[in-house]
Amino acid sequence: MRTKLAIFAAAAGMMVPLVPVAAHHSFAAEYDANKPVTLKGTVTKVEWTNPHARFYVDVKDANGKVVNWNLELASPNVLKRSGWTRTALKEGDAVTVEGSAAKDGANMANARAVTLASGKRVFAGSSGGDGK
């Protein structure tokens, strides 16, 4: 019995490196504080997950084409301590987002502040800015 347990433990230990790990990154690695963006659009998806909550917004570009933006927030724990709830953002909500654009030009940004349809301005708690 002990031999079987030892073999099982060894096999399980060898599989651990096969489990993908979500890489956590610094703000400066992915976003440019010198590229501020203000986006107005409609929330299409909300992901309340670690290490960063994310939401997606359909925004019309200068030509009227709808572009989906990926917006990063702080972790759910930080957001909860800042007064957010899982339902603060819902699909279909009209929002205005202030943040910093991705360095690589992708339709991605680190959100600093989000103005909800009600007019309430909430801060994202992210490391890219102080929300001011």
Protein backbone atom coordinates (compact mmCIF):
# COMPACT_ATOMS: atom_id res chain seq x y z
CA MET A 1 0.00 0.00 0.00
CA ARG A 2 2.81 2.41 0.86
CA THR A 3 4.51 1.68 -2.46
CA LYS A 4 1.34 2.51 -4.40
CA LEU A 5 0.93 5.74 -2.43
CA ALA A 6 4.56 6.71 -3.11
CA ILE A 7 4.17 6.02 -6.84
CA PHE A 8 0.95 8.05 -6.96
CA ALA A 9 2.56 10.97 -5.10
CA ALA A 10 5.58 10.93 -7.42
CA ALA A 11 3.36 10.85 -10.53
CA ALA A 12 1.22 13.70 -9.21
CA GLY A 13 4.34 15.73 -8.40
CA MET A 14 5.62 15.32 -11.95
CA MET A 15 2.33 16.65 -13.36
CA VAL A 16 2.41 19.91 -11.39
CA PRO A 17 4.65 21.70 -13.93
CA LEU A 18 2.10 20.84 -16.64
CA VAL A 19 -0.58 23.01 -15.00
CA PRO A 20 -0.64 26.43 -16.72
CA VAL A 21 0.07 29.37 -14.48
CA ALA A 22 -1.47 32.78 -15.13
CA ALA A 23 1.40 35.19 -15.35
CA HIS A 24 1.08 38.36 -13.35
CA HIS A 25 2.67 41.42 -14.89
CA SER A 26 3.57 44.93 -13.88
CA PHE A 27 1.66 47.92 -15.25
CA ALA A 28 4.75 49.23 -17.07
CA ALA A 29 5.31 45.92 -18.85
CA GLU A 30 2.03 46.14 -20.74
CA TYR A 31 0.59 49.67 -20.53
CA ASP A 32 1.87 53.18 -21.27
CA ALA A 33 0.98 55.87 -18.70
CA ASN A 34 1.77 58.44 -21.40
CA LYS A 35 -1.02 57.10 -23.65
CA PRO A 36 -4.22 58.09 -21.84
CA VAL A 37 -7.51 56.91 -23.31
CA THR A 38 -11.12 57.80 -22.64
CA LEU A 39 -13.59 55.28 -24.01
CA LYS A 40 -17.38 55.52 -24.13
CA GLY A 41 -19.32 52.40 -24.93
CA THR A 42 -21.40 49.44 -23.86
CA VAL A 43 -20.21 46.63 -21.59
CA THR A 44 -20.24 43.28 -23.43
CA LYS A 45 -18.61 40.98 -20.86
CA VAL A 46 -17.35 41.05 -17.26
CA GLU A 47 -14.75 38.64 -15.83
CA TRP A 48 -14.47 38.79 -12.03
CA THR A 49 -11.27 36.72 -11.82
CA ASN A 50 -7.74 36.83 -10.41
CA PRO A 51 -5.17 38.22 -10.81
CA HIS A 52 -7.12 41.08 -12.45
CA ALA A 53 -10.82 41.55 -13.08
CA ARG A 54 -11.53 42.47 -16.70
CA PHE A 55 -14.42 43.83 -18.66
CA TYR A 56 -15.00 44.37 -22.34
CA VAL A 57 -16.66 47.38 -23.96
CA ASP A 58 -17.91 47.96 -27.51
CA VAL A 59 -16.69 51.41 -28.59
CA LYS A 60 -17.31 53.19 -31.92
CA ASP A 61 -14.05 54.36 -33.49
CA ALA A 62 -13.62 57.56 -35.54
CA ASN A 63 -15.04 55.83 -38.64
CA GLY A 64 -18.12 54.54 -36.81
CA LYS A 65 -16.81 50.96 -36.70
CA VAL A 66 -17.54 49.13 -33.43
CA VAL A 67 -14.36 47.93 -31.73
CA ASN A 68 -14.32 45.71 -28.62
CA TRP A 69 -11.86 46.89 -25.94
CA ASN A 70 -10.38 44.69 -23.20
CA LEU A 71 -10.10 46.68 -19.95
CA GLU A 72 -8.11 45.57 -16.93
CA LEU A 73 -9.07 46.40 -13.36
CA ALA A 74 -7.43 45.53 -10.04
CA SER A 75 -7.96 42.15 -8.41
CA PRO A 76 -11.48 41.31 -7.19
CA ASN A 77 -10.22 41.57 -3.59
CA VAL A 78 -8.94 45.13 -4.11
CA LEU A 79 -12.16 46.06 -5.94
CA LYS A 80 -14.31 44.71 -3.09
CA ARG A 81 -12.32 46.75 -0.56
CA SER A 82 -12.93 49.79 -2.78
CA GLY A 83 -16.69 49.26 -2.69
CA TRP A 84 -17.19 47.34 -5.95
CA THR A 85 -19.46 44.32 -6.20
CA ARG A 86 -19.69 41.58 -8.82
CA THR A 87 -22.75 43.36 -10.22
CA ALA A 88 -21.30 46.88 -10.38
CA LEU A 89 -20.80 46.35 -14.13
CA LYS A 90 -23.30 44.37 -16.17
CA GLU A 91 -23.56 43.50 -19.84
CA GLY A 92 -25.44 46.28 -21.62
CA ASP A 93 -24.35 49.05 -19.21
CA ALA A 94 -23.22 52.31 -20.83
CA VAL A 95 -19.87 53.39 -19.35
CA THR A 96 -17.04 55.85 -19.78
CA VAL A 97 -13.59 54.51 -18.97
CA GLU A 98 -10.43 56.50 -18.32
CA GLY A 99 -7.15 54.62 -18.42
CA SER A 100 -3.85 53.92 -20.11
CA ALA A 101 -3.55 52.20 -23.48
CA ALA A 102 -1.57 49.06 -24.18
CA LYS A 103 2.00 49.62 -25.37
CA ASP A 104 1.54 47.28 -28.34
CA GLY A 105 -1.41 49.20 -29.81
CA ALA A 106 -3.94 46.45 -29.07
CA ASN A 107 -7.49 47.45 -28.13
CA MET A 108 -6.59 47.00 -24.50
CA ALA A 109 -6.22 49.41 -21.58
CA ASN A 110 -5.64 49.51 -17.86
CA ALA A 111 -8.69 51.26 -16.41
CA ARG A 112 -8.18 53.98 -13.79
CA ALA A 113 -11.75 55.17 -13.38
CA VAL A 114 -15.13 54.06 -14.68
CA THR A 115 -18.15 56.34 -14.90
CA LEU A 116 -21.33 54.29 -14.73
CA ALA A 117 -24.56 55.11 -16.57
CA SER A 118 -25.91 56.54 -13.29
CA GLY A 119 -23.09 59.10 -13.34
CA LYS A 120 -21.32 57.49 -10.40
CA ARG A 121 -17.54 57.48 -10.88
CA VAL A 122 -15.73 54.48 -9.40
CA PHE A 123 -11.99 53.91 -9.25
CA ALA A 124 -10.43 50.77 -10.64
CA GLY A 125 -7.83 50.32 -7.91
CA SER A 126 -5.24 49.36 -10.51
CA SER A 127 -1.55 49.99 -10.19
CA GLY A 128 -1.46 52.22 -13.26
CA GLY A 129 -2.83 55.33 -11.65
CA ASP A 130 -4.28 56.94 -8.60
CA GLY A 131 -7.74 57.54 -10.02
CA LYS A 132 -7.41 61.32 -10.01
